[in-house]
C-alpha cells in the first residue's frame, strides 16, 4: 500500500491579506489530492490532506513576538486574541498536527482517501456556519487599549464564508 499525505493551510478557506499566492498553491494541492485519490485508488494508493491552522511553533511564536512589539502589548494578549478564534481556545502544537498526518498514514485510516483532515483546533469546520469572535484592530498606542473591545462576526451564506458581515 502506498500513501500520499499532503499538508494544507487555513489560508485556503480563510483569506488573509498578502497570502493569495500561498493560498492558491495550497488550494491547488487540495484539488489535485482529490483527483489523485480518484485516479490512484484502484492501485491501492491513498491520497489525503491535513489542513492546519495556527500552530504554536517557532514561526507563529515569532509572529506573536513581532505583533506584540508592534502593538505595544504583552505577547500573551496577542496569543489570546488569536486563540479566541479557535474553538479549543488554544493553538495546536506542531506535534498534534504531525500526529494527524501520522494517523492518515496509518492502517487506522486504511479506508480513507480523498479526505481533508482539519488539524486546527476546530478553526475550520466545513459545512458549519457559526459566529466567531474576531479581535478588534490593535490600538496604535497603549493608552488606547482600554477602548478596544472584541467584535462579533457572523458568517452567513455558503460554508466558504461568502456573505460575512461584521457588527
Foldseek 3Di string as FASTA:
>chain_A
DAEAEEEAECCLQDPDPPCVVVNVVRVVVLVVQLVCCVVCVVVLYAGEYEYEYAAPDDVVLVVLVVVCVQLVHDSVVVQQQVLQLAVVSHFHHPVQSVVVVVCCVDPVVSVDHSYYHYSTNRSADQPDWDKGWHFDDRDNDPVCVVVGDIWIKGQDDHSSSPPIDTD
